Amino acid sequence: MTPNPLVPASPTDPLAPVRKALMRAARAEADRVTAEARAERNHLLATARDRAAAIRTEARRRGHDDAAAAGAADDAAAGRESRRIVLRARRDAYHALEQEVCERACAWLTEPAVEATVRARVEVALGPGASLVVTPGAVTGTLAGHRVEVTARALTGKALHELGTQIEEMWRT
């Protein structure tokens, strides 16, 4: 993890509890979306396999010589289509996860207790006299040319990035 150059390094990270809570929420949401993505993937793969089997059966019916050439081409096309469907399902699942986590992070950041905690931590990070702006899903603080932003989008990106290879696990059976 690369330290944020806008936030001074310190032995205690004032935003660590915020990140930790978001990571827990992101992991829970990732588990839910993973289960849905796996179910969708399994359904799509079964459909693609059924289609490939139907194509092979029809090719055999047409005759041995024609079936060899047509079957190979049809299998390749079915394989490409299956791969395209799986990749689209992966992309859609990741975007759905990202959107859901961001919406939940935004709602979470607007909870009065959480907002107060984030405001306090931004003030601690910048120092006394920091100017704070609170908008739905974001707390931004500035002081003497320094700026600290805590946004739902940034927290979501960081949380998903920190999940790293765990996200890849949802594509494996």
N, C-alpha and C. Protein backbone atom coordinates (compact mmCIF):
# COMPACT_ATOMS: atom_id res chain seq x y z
N MET A 1 0.85 -1.17 0.00
CA MET A 1 0.00 0.00 0.00
C MET A 1 0.89 1.22 0.00
N THR A 2 0.66 2.14 -0.92
CA THR A 2 1.43 3.36 -1.04
C THR A 2 0.83 4.41 -0.12
N PRO A 3 1.65 5.06 0.72
CA PRO A 3 1.11 6.09 1.61
C PRO A 3 0.60 7.27 0.81
N ASN A 4 -0.45 7.90 1.30
CA ASN A 4 -1.03 9.07 0.65
C ASN A 4 -0.12 10.25 0.95
N PRO A 5 0.43 10.91 -0.10
CA PRO A 5 1.34 12.03 0.15
C PRO A 5 0.63 13.24 0.75
N LEU A 6 -0.70 13.28 0.69
CA LEU A 6 -1.42 14.42 1.22
C LEU A 6 -1.65 14.31 2.72
N VAL A 7 -1.49 13.12 3.27
CA VAL A 7 -1.70 12.91 4.71
C VAL A 7 -0.35 12.60 5.33
N PRO A 8 0.07 13.39 6.32
CA PRO A 8 1.38 13.14 6.94
C PRO A 8 1.42 11.75 7.57
N ALA A 9 2.57 11.08 7.41
CA ALA A 9 2.74 9.74 8.01
C ALA A 9 2.83 9.90 9.52
N SER A 10 2.17 9.02 10.22
CA SER A 10 2.23 9.04 11.67
C SER A 10 2.10 7.60 12.15
N PRO A 11 2.55 7.33 13.36
CA PRO A 11 2.47 5.96 13.86
C PRO A 11 1.03 5.48 13.96
N THR A 12 0.10 6.40 14.19
CA THR A 12 -1.31 6.00 14.25
C THR A 12 -2.04 6.71 13.13
N ASP A 13 -2.68 5.94 12.33
CA ASP A 13 -3.43 6.49 11.19
C ASP A 13 -4.83 6.86 11.68
N PRO A 14 -5.20 8.14 11.67
CA PRO A 14 -6.50 8.54 12.21
C PRO A 14 -7.66 8.00 11.38
N LEU A 15 -7.41 7.61 10.15
CA LEU A 15 -8.50 7.10 9.30
C LEU A 15 -8.56 5.58 9.29
N ALA A 16 -7.68 4.92 10.03
CA ALA A 16 -7.64 3.45 10.04
C ALA A 16 -8.97 2.83 10.43
N PRO A 17 -9.66 3.31 11.46
CA PRO A 17 -10.95 2.70 11.81
C PRO A 17 -11.98 2.85 10.69
N VAL A 18 -11.92 3.97 10.00
CA VAL A 18 -12.86 4.19 8.89
C VAL A 18 -12.58 3.17 7.79
N ARG A 19 -11.29 3.02 7.44
CA ARG A 19 -10.93 2.05 6.40
C ARG A 19 -11.27 0.63 6.83
N LYS A 20 -11.03 0.33 8.11
CA LYS A 20 -11.31 -1.02 8.61
C LYS A 20 -12.80 -1.34 8.51
N ALA A 21 -13.63 -0.40 8.91
CA ALA A 21 -15.08 -0.62 8.83
C ALA A 21 -15.52 -0.76 7.38
N LEU A 22 -14.97 0.05 6.51
CA LEU A 22 -15.33 -0.05 5.09
C LEU A 22 -14.84 -1.37 4.50
N MET A 23 -13.66 -1.81 4.92
CA MET A 23 -13.15 -3.10 4.43
C MET A 23 -14.08 -4.23 4.86
N ARG A 24 -14.55 -4.19 6.12
CA ARG A 24 -15.49 -5.23 6.56
C ARG A 24 -16.75 -5.20 5.71
N ALA A 25 -17.27 -4.01 5.47
CA ALA A 25 -18.49 -3.90 4.66
C ALA A 25 -18.21 -4.34 3.22
N ALA A 26 -17.05 -3.97 2.68
CA ALA A 26 -16.71 -4.36 1.31
C ALA A 26 -16.54 -5.86 1.19
N ARG A 27 -15.92 -6.47 2.20
CA ARG A 27 -15.75 -7.93 2.15
C ARG A 27 -17.09 -8.64 2.22
N ALA A 28 -17.97 -8.16 3.08
CA ALA A 28 -19.30 -8.77 3.17
C ALA A 28 -20.05 -8.63 1.85
N GLU A 29 -19.97 -7.44 1.28
CA GLU A 29 -20.64 -7.22 -0.01
C GLU A 29 -19.97 -8.04 -1.11
N ALA A 30 -18.65 -8.15 -1.06
CA ALA A 30 -17.93 -8.96 -2.05
C ALA A 30 -18.36 -10.41 -1.95
N ASP A 31 -18.55 -10.91 -0.73
CA ASP A 31 -19.01 -12.29 -0.56
C ASP A 31 -20.38 -12.49 -1.19
N ARG A 32 -21.29 -11.52 -0.96
CA ARG A 32 -22.63 -11.63 -1.51
C ARG A 32 -22.59 -11.57 -3.05
N VAL A 33 -21.86 -10.60 -3.58
CA VAL A 33 -21.79 -10.45 -5.03
C VAL A 33 -21.05 -11.63 -5.64
N THR A 34 -20.06 -12.17 -4.92
CA THR A 34 -19.33 -13.34 -5.40
C THR A 34 -20.28 -14.52 -5.57
N ALA A 35 -21.12 -14.73 -4.59
CA ALA A 35 -22.08 -15.84 -4.68
C ALA A 35 -23.01 -15.64 -5.86
N GLU A 36 -23.49 -14.43 -6.04
CA GLU A 36 -24.36 -14.15 -7.18
C GLU A 36 -23.61 -14.32 -8.51
N ALA A 37 -22.38 -13.84 -8.56
CA ALA A 37 -21.60 -13.95 -9.79
C ALA A 37 -21.31 -15.40 -10.13
N ARG A 38 -21.00 -16.20 -9.10
CA ARG A 38 -20.75 -17.62 -9.35
C ARG A 38 -22.00 -18.31 -9.88
N ALA A 39 -23.14 -18.01 -9.29
CA ALA A 39 -24.39 -18.62 -9.75
C ALA A 39 -24.66 -18.22 -11.20
N GLU A 40 -24.48 -16.94 -11.50
CA GLU A 40 -24.69 -16.45 -12.87
C GLU A 40 -23.69 -17.09 -13.83
N ARG A 41 -22.43 -17.16 -13.40
CA ARG A 41 -21.40 -17.78 -14.23
C ARG A 41 -21.74 -19.24 -14.52
N ASN A 42 -22.13 -19.97 -13.48
CA ASN A 42 -22.48 -21.38 -13.66
C ASN A 42 -23.64 -21.55 -14.61
N HIS A 43 -24.63 -20.68 -14.50
CA HIS A 43 -25.77 -20.74 -15.40
C HIS A 43 -25.33 -20.45 -16.84
N LEU A 44 -24.53 -19.41 -17.01
CA LEU A 44 -24.06 -19.04 -18.35
C LEU A 44 -23.19 -20.13 -18.96
N LEU A 45 -22.33 -20.72 -18.15
CA LEU A 45 -21.48 -21.80 -18.66
C LEU A 45 -22.31 -23.02 -19.04
N ALA A 46 -23.30 -23.34 -18.24
CA ALA A 46 -24.16 -24.49 -18.56
C ALA A 46 -24.91 -24.24 -19.87
N THR A 47 -25.41 -23.03 -20.04
CA THR A 47 -26.11 -22.67 -21.28
C THR A 47 -25.17 -22.76 -22.47
N ALA A 48 -23.96 -22.25 -22.31
CA ALA A 48 -22.98 -22.31 -23.41
C ALA A 48 -22.59 -23.75 -23.73
N ARG A 49 -22.44 -24.57 -22.70
CA ARG A 49 -22.11 -25.98 -22.93
C ARG A 49 -23.25 -26.71 -23.63
N ASP A 50 -24.48 -26.42 -23.21
CA ASP A 50 -25.64 -27.03 -23.87
C ASP A 50 -25.69 -26.63 -25.34
N ARG A 51 -25.42 -25.36 -25.61
CA ARG A 51 -25.41 -24.88 -27.01
C ARG A 51 -24.31 -25.57 -27.80
N ALA A 52 -23.14 -25.69 -27.22
CA ALA A 52 -22.03 -26.36 -27.90
C ALA A 52 -22.37 -27.83 -28.17
N ALA A 53 -23.02 -28.49 -27.21
CA ALA A 53 -23.42 -29.89 -27.40
C ALA A 53 -24.45 -30.01 -28.52
N ALA A 54 -25.39 -29.07 -28.57
CA ALA A 54 -26.40 -29.09 -29.64
C ALA A 54 -25.74 -28.88 -31.00
N ILE A 55 -24.76 -28.00 -31.05
CA ILE A 55 -24.06 -27.74 -32.31
C ILE A 55 -23.31 -29.01 -32.75
N ARG A 56 -22.64 -29.68 -31.81
CA ARG A 56 -21.91 -30.91 -32.15
C ARG A 56 -22.86 -32.00 -32.63
N THR A 57 -24.01 -32.14 -31.98
CA THR A 57 -24.98 -33.16 -32.36
C THR A 57 -25.48 -32.92 -33.79
N GLU A 58 -25.78 -31.68 -34.08
CA GLU A 58 -26.26 -31.34 -35.44
C GLU A 58 -25.16 -31.59 -36.47
N ALA A 59 -23.92 -31.27 -36.13
CA ALA A 59 -22.81 -31.48 -37.06
C ALA A 59 -22.63 -32.97 -37.35
N ARG A 60 -22.76 -33.82 -36.33
CA ARG A 60 -22.65 -35.27 -36.54
C ARG A 60 -23.76 -35.78 -37.46
N ARG A 61 -24.96 -35.23 -37.31
CA ARG A 61 -26.10 -35.65 -38.12
C ARG A 61 -25.86 -35.33 -39.60
N ARG A 62 -25.16 -34.27 -39.91
CA ARG A 62 -24.92 -33.86 -41.30
C ARG A 62 -23.95 -34.79 -42.02
N GLY A 63 -23.19 -35.51 -41.31
CA GLY A 63 -22.24 -36.41 -41.98
C GLY A 63 -20.86 -36.29 -41.38
N HIS A 64 -20.13 -37.39 -41.47
CA HIS A 64 -18.83 -37.47 -40.82
C HIS A 64 -17.85 -36.43 -41.36
N ASP A 65 -17.68 -36.30 -42.66
CA ASP A 65 -16.70 -35.36 -43.20
C ASP A 65 -17.08 -33.91 -42.91
N ASP A 66 -18.34 -33.58 -43.19
CA ASP A 66 -18.77 -32.21 -42.94
C ASP A 66 -18.78 -31.90 -41.44
N ALA A 67 -19.12 -32.91 -40.65
CA ALA A 67 -19.21 -32.71 -39.21
C ALA A 67 -17.86 -32.36 -38.59
N ALA A 68 -16.80 -32.97 -39.10
CA ALA A 68 -15.47 -32.70 -38.53
C ALA A 68 -15.12 -31.22 -38.68
N ALA A 69 -15.31 -30.70 -39.89
CA ALA A 69 -14.98 -29.28 -40.14
C ALA A 69 -15.97 -28.35 -39.43
N ALA A 70 -17.25 -28.65 -39.60
CA ALA A 70 -18.27 -27.78 -39.00
C ALA A 70 -18.22 -27.85 -37.47
N GLY A 71 -18.02 -29.04 -36.94
CA GLY A 71 -17.96 -29.20 -35.49
C GLY A 71 -16.83 -28.41 -34.87
N ALA A 72 -15.68 -28.47 -35.52
CA ALA A 72 -14.53 -27.73 -35.00
C ALA A 72 -14.79 -26.23 -35.02
N ALA A 73 -15.34 -25.76 -36.14
CA ALA A 73 -15.64 -24.33 -36.26
C ALA A 73 -16.73 -23.93 -35.25
N ASP A 74 -17.77 -24.76 -35.13
CA ASP A 74 -18.86 -24.46 -34.21
C ASP A 74 -18.38 -24.51 -32.75
N ASP A 75 -17.55 -25.49 -32.45
CA ASP A 75 -17.01 -25.58 -31.08
C ASP A 75 -16.17 -24.34 -30.76
N ALA A 76 -15.36 -23.93 -31.73
CA ALA A 76 -14.53 -22.75 -31.51
C ALA A 76 -15.42 -21.51 -31.32
N ALA A 77 -16.45 -21.40 -32.15
CA ALA A 77 -17.36 -20.25 -32.03
C ALA A 77 -18.09 -20.30 -30.68
N ALA A 78 -18.54 -21.48 -30.30
CA ALA A 78 -19.23 -21.63 -29.02
C ALA A 78 -18.27 -21.31 -27.87
N GLY A 79 -17.03 -21.73 -27.99
CA GLY A 79 -16.03 -21.43 -26.96
C GLY A 79 -15.78 -19.93 -26.86
N ARG A 80 -15.68 -19.27 -28.02
CA ARG A 80 -15.48 -17.82 -28.01
C ARG A 80 -16.69 -17.11 -27.40
N GLU A 81 -17.88 -17.56 -27.78
CA GLU A 81 -19.10 -16.96 -27.23
C GLU A 81 -19.19 -17.19 -25.73
N SER A 82 -18.86 -18.38 -25.30
CA SER A 82 -18.89 -18.70 -23.87
C SER A 82 -17.92 -17.79 -23.13
N ARG A 83 -16.72 -17.63 -23.65
CA ARG A 83 -15.71 -16.77 -23.02
C ARG A 83 -16.19 -15.32 -22.96
N ARG A 84 -16.80 -14.85 -24.05
CA ARG A 84 -17.32 -13.49 -24.10
C ARG A 84 -18.40 -13.30 -23.03
N ILE A 85 -19.28 -14.28 -22.89
CA ILE A 85 -20.35 -14.20 -21.89
C ILE A 85 -19.77 -14.19 -20.48
N VAL A 86 -18.79 -15.04 -20.24
CA VAL A 86 -18.18 -15.11 -18.90
C VAL A 86 -17.47 -13.79 -18.57
N LEU A 87 -16.72 -13.25 -19.54
CA LEU A 87 -16.01 -11.99 -19.29
C LEU A 87 -16.99 -10.84 -19.05
N ARG A 88 -18.08 -10.83 -19.81
CA ARG A 88 -19.09 -9.78 -19.59
C ARG A 88 -19.72 -9.93 -18.20
N ALA A 89 -19.99 -11.17 -17.80
CA ALA A 89 -20.57 -11.41 -16.47
C ALA A 89 -19.59 -10.97 -15.38
N ARG A 90 -18.31 -11.23 -15.57
CA ARG A 90 -17.30 -10.79 -14.60
C ARG A 90 -17.28 -9.27 -14.49
N ARG A 91 -17.25 -8.61 -15.65
CA ARG A 91 -17.21 -7.15 -15.67
C ARG A 91 -18.45 -6.58 -14.99
N ASP A 92 -19.61 -7.11 -15.35
CA ASP A 92 -20.86 -6.63 -14.77
C ASP A 92 -20.90 -6.86 -13.26
N ALA A 93 -20.42 -8.02 -12.82
CA ALA A 93 -20.41 -8.33 -11.39
C ALA A 93 -19.48 -7.38 -10.64
N TYR A 94 -18.31 -7.10 -11.21
CA TYR A 94 -17.36 -6.19 -10.55
C TYR A 94 -17.96 -4.79 -10.47
N HIS A 95 -18.56 -4.32 -11.57
CA HIS A 95 -19.16 -2.99 -11.55
C HIS A 95 -20.32 -2.92 -10.56
N ALA A 96 -21.11 -3.99 -10.48
CA ALA A 96 -22.21 -4.03 -9.52
C ALA A 96 -21.66 -3.99 -8.09
N LEU A 97 -20.61 -4.74 -7.83
CA LEU A 97 -19.97 -4.73 -6.52
C LEU A 97 -19.46 -3.33 -6.19
N GLU A 98 -18.75 -2.74 -7.14
CA GLU A 98 -18.19 -1.40 -6.94
C GLU A 98 -19.30 -0.38 -6.65
N GLN A 99 -20.37 -0.43 -7.42
CA GLN A 99 -21.49 0.50 -7.24
C GLN A 99 -22.15 0.29 -5.88
N GLU A 100 -22.40 -0.96 -5.54
CA GLU A 100 -23.07 -1.28 -4.27
C GLU A 100 -22.21 -0.83 -3.08
N VAL A 101 -20.91 -1.12 -3.13
CA VAL A 101 -20.02 -0.72 -2.03
C VAL A 101 -19.97 0.80 -1.93
N CYS A 102 -19.91 1.47 -3.07
CA CYS A 102 -19.85 2.94 -3.06
C CYS A 102 -21.14 3.53 -2.48
N GLU A 103 -22.29 2.99 -2.88
CA GLU A 103 -23.55 3.49 -2.34
C GLU A 103 -23.63 3.27 -0.83
N ARG A 104 -23.18 2.10 -0.40
CA ARG A 104 -23.21 1.82 1.04
C ARG A 104 -22.21 2.71 1.79
N ALA A 105 -21.05 2.94 1.19
CA ALA A 105 -20.05 3.82 1.82
C ALA A 105 -20.59 5.24 1.92
N CYS A 106 -21.28 5.68 0.87
CA CYS A 106 -21.86 7.03 0.87
C CYS A 106 -22.91 7.14 1.99
N ALA A 107 -23.78 6.15 2.08
CA ALA A 107 -24.80 6.16 3.13
C ALA A 107 -24.14 6.10 4.51
N TRP A 108 -23.12 5.28 4.62
CA TRP A 108 -22.41 5.12 5.88
C TRP A 108 -21.76 6.44 6.30
N LEU A 109 -21.13 7.14 5.33
CA LEU A 109 -20.46 8.40 5.65
C LEU A 109 -21.45 9.50 6.06
N THR A 110 -22.71 9.36 5.67
CA THR A 110 -23.69 10.38 6.05
C THR A 110 -24.35 10.10 7.39
N GLU A 111 -24.07 8.96 7.99
CA GLU A 111 -24.59 8.68 9.33
C GLU A 111 -23.94 9.69 10.28
N PRO A 112 -24.73 10.32 11.14
CA PRO A 112 -24.18 11.39 12.00
C PRO A 112 -22.95 10.99 12.80
N ALA A 113 -22.96 9.82 13.40
CA ALA A 113 -21.80 9.42 14.22
C ALA A 113 -20.57 9.19 13.35
N VAL A 114 -20.76 8.58 12.20
CA VAL A 114 -19.63 8.32 11.30
C VAL A 114 -19.11 9.64 10.75
N GLU A 115 -20.04 10.51 10.32
CA GLU A 115 -19.62 11.81 9.79
C GLU A 115 -18.82 12.59 10.83
N ALA A 116 -19.27 12.56 12.08
CA ALA A 116 -18.56 13.27 13.15
C ALA A 116 -17.17 12.68 13.36
N THR A 117 -17.08 11.35 13.32
CA THR A 117 -15.78 10.69 13.49
C THR A 117 -14.84 11.05 12.34
N VAL A 118 -15.36 11.02 11.11
CA VAL A 118 -14.53 11.35 9.95
C VAL A 118 -14.09 12.81 10.02
N ARG A 119 -15.01 13.70 10.36
CA ARG A 119 -14.66 15.12 10.50
C ARG A 119 -13.53 15.28 11.52
N ALA A 120 -13.68 14.62 12.67
CA ALA A 120 -12.66 14.72 13.72
C ALA A 120 -11.32 14.19 13.23
N ARG A 121 -11.33 13.08 12.51
CA ARG A 121 -10.07 12.50 12.04
C ARG A 121 -9.42 13.37 10.96
N VAL A 122 -10.23 13.99 10.11
CA VAL A 122 -9.68 14.91 9.11
C VAL A 122 -9.07 16.12 9.82
N GLU A 123 -9.75 16.62 10.85
CA GLU A 123 -9.19 17.75 11.62
C GLU A 123 -7.89 17.35 12.30
N VAL A 124 -7.83 16.13 12.83
CA VAL A 124 -6.59 15.65 13.47
C VAL A 124 -5.49 15.56 12.42
N ALA A 125 -5.82 15.06 11.24
CA ALA A 125 -4.82 14.90 10.19
C ALA A 125 -4.26 16.24 9.73
N LEU A 126 -5.11 17.27 9.68
CA LEU A 126 -4.67 18.58 9.20
C LEU A 126 -4.20 19.50 10.32
N GLY A 127 -4.80 19.38 11.46
CA GLY A 127 -4.44 20.24 12.57
C GLY A 127 -5.55 21.22 12.90
N PRO A 128 -5.38 21.94 14.01
CA PRO A 128 -6.41 22.90 14.44
C PRO A 128 -6.61 24.00 13.39
N GLY A 129 -7.85 24.42 13.27
CA GLY A 129 -8.17 25.50 12.33
C GLY A 129 -8.45 25.03 10.92
N ALA A 130 -8.52 23.73 10.71
CA ALA A 130 -8.79 23.22 9.36
C ALA A 130 -10.20 23.62 8.95
N SER A 131 -10.34 23.95 7.68
CA SER A 131 -11.64 24.26 7.10
C SER A 131 -12.23 22.98 6.54
N LEU A 132 -13.45 22.63 6.97
CA LEU A 132 -14.08 21.38 6.55
C LEU A 132 -15.31 21.66 5.70
N VAL A 133 -15.46 20.86 4.65
CA VAL A 133 -16.67 20.90 3.81
C VAL A 133 -17.23 19.49 3.80
N VAL A 134 -18.49 19.37 4.17
CA VAL A 134 -19.15 18.07 4.20
C VAL A 134 -20.23 18.06 3.13
N THR A 135 -20.14 17.08 2.24
CA THR A 135 -21.17 16.86 1.22
C THR A 135 -21.59 15.40 1.33
N PRO A 136 -22.73 15.04 0.73
CA PRO A 136 -23.14 13.63 0.82
C PRO A 136 -22.04 12.70 0.30
N GLY A 137 -21.55 11.86 1.17
CA GLY A 137 -20.53 10.89 0.79
C GLY A 137 -19.12 11.43 0.76
N ALA A 138 -18.87 12.60 1.35
CA ALA A 138 -17.51 13.15 1.33
C ALA A 138 -17.30 14.15 2.46
N VAL A 139 -16.07 14.12 2.99
CA VAL A 139 -15.63 15.14 3.94
C VAL A 139 -14.28 15.62 3.41
N THR A 140 -14.18 16.93 3.18
CA THR A 140 -12.95 17.51 2.64
C THR A 140 -12.46 18.57 3.62
N GLY A 141 -11.19 18.49 3.96
CA GLY A 141 -10.59 19.46 4.85
C GLY A 141 -9.38 20.10 4.21
N THR A 142 -9.18 21.39 4.48
CA THR A 142 -8.01 22.10 3.97
C THR A 142 -7.43 22.95 5.08
N LEU A 143 -6.12 23.09 5.02
CA LEU A 143 -5.41 23.96 5.97
C LEU A 143 -4.03 24.23 5.39
N ALA A 144 -3.71 25.48 5.25
CA ALA A 144 -2.37 25.92 4.84
C ALA A 144 -1.89 25.18 3.59
N GLY A 145 -2.73 25.08 2.60
CA GLY A 145 -2.33 24.44 1.35
C GLY A 145 -2.39 22.92 1.36
N HIS A 146 -2.72 22.34 2.48
CA HIS A 146 -2.86 20.88 2.57
C HIS A 146 -4.34 20.52 2.48
N ARG A 147 -4.61 19.37 1.88
CA ARG A 147 -6.00 18.96 1.67
C ARG A 147 -6.13 17.47 2.01
N VAL A 148 -7.19 17.13 2.70
CA VAL A 148 -7.52 15.73 3.00
C VAL A 148 -8.96 15.52 2.57
N GLU A 149 -9.15 14.51 1.75
CA GLU A 149 -10.50 14.17 1.28
C GLU A 149 -10.81 12.74 1.70
N VAL A 150 -11.97 12.55 2.26
CA VAL A 150 -12.48 11.22 2.54
C VAL A 150 -13.79 11.14 1.77
N THR A 151 -13.76 10.36 0.66
CA THR A 151 -14.96 10.24 -0.17
C THR A 151 -15.37 8.77 -0.26
N ALA A 152 -16.65 8.56 -0.48
CA ALA A 152 -17.16 7.20 -0.66
C ALA A 152 -16.48 6.55 -1.85
N ARG A 153 -16.30 7.27 -2.94
CA ARG A 153 -15.69 6.72 -4.15
C ARG A 153 -14.24 6.31 -3.87
N ALA A 154 -13.48 7.18 -3.19
CA ALA A 154 -12.07 6.87 -2.90
C ALA A 154 -11.97 5.69 -1.93
N LEU A 155 -12.82 5.68 -0.90
CA LEU A 155 -12.79 4.57 0.05
C LEU A 155 -13.16 3.26 -0.64
N THR A 156 -14.12 3.31 -1.56
CA THR A 156 -14.52 2.12 -2.31
C THR A 156 -13.35 1.62 -3.16
N GLY A 157 -12.72 2.53 -3.89
CA GLY A 157 -11.59 2.14 -4.73
C GLY A 157 -10.47 1.53 -3.90
N LYS A 158 -10.18 2.15 -2.76
CA LYS A 158 -9.11 1.64 -1.89
C LYS A 158 -9.48 0.27 -1.34
N ALA A 159 -10.73 0.13 -0.90
CA ALA A 159 -11.18 -1.14 -0.33
C ALA A 159 -11.10 -2.26 -1.37
N LEU A 160 -11.58 -2.00 -2.57
CA LEU A 160 -11.54 -3.03 -3.61
C LEU A 160 -10.10 -3.33 -4.03
N HIS A 161 -9.27 -2.30 -4.06
CA HIS A 161 -7.86 -2.51 -4.39
C HIS A 161 -7.19 -3.37 -3.33
N GLU A 162 -7.49 -3.09 -2.06
CA GLU A 162 -6.89 -3.86 -0.97
C GLU A 162 -7.39 -5.30 -0.95
N LEU A 163 -8.58 -5.54 -1.50
CA LEU A 163 -9.06 -6.92 -1.60
C LEU A 163 -8.23 -7.70 -2.61
N GLY A 164 -7.66 -6.99 -3.58
CA GLY A 164 -6.72 -7.57 -4.55
C GLY A 164 -7.15 -8.90 -5.11
N THR A 165 -6.34 -9.91 -4.86
CA THR A 165 -6.57 -11.23 -5.45
C THR A 165 -7.81 -11.90 -4.88
N GLN A 166 -8.32 -11.42 -3.77
CA GLN A 166 -9.55 -12.00 -3.22
C GLN A 166 -10.71 -11.81 -4.19
N ILE A 167 -10.71 -10.71 -4.93
CA ILE A 167 -11.75 -10.49 -5.93
C ILE A 167 -11.63 -11.52 -7.03
N GLU A 168 -10.39 -11.86 -7.41
CA GLU A 168 -10.19 -12.87 -8.44
C GLU A 168 -10.75 -14.23 -8.04
N GLU A 169 -10.79 -14.49 -6.74
CA GLU A 169 -11.30 -15.77 -6.24
C GLU A 169 -12.76 -15.99 -6.62
N MET A 170 -13.52 -14.91 -6.82
CA MET A 170 -14.92 -15.10 -7.14
C MET A 170 -15.12 -15.68 -8.54
N TRP A 171 -14.06 -15.71 -9.35
CA TRP A 171 -14.17 -16.27 -10.70
C TRP A 171 -13.74 -17.75 -10.72
N ARG A 172 -13.20 -18.22 -9.61
CA ARG A 172 -12.76 -19.60 -9.57
C ARG A 172 -13.83 -20.46 -8.93
N THR A 173 -13.90 -21.71 -9.36
CA THR A 173 -14.89 -22.62 -8.77
C THR A 173 -14.29 -23.44 -7.67
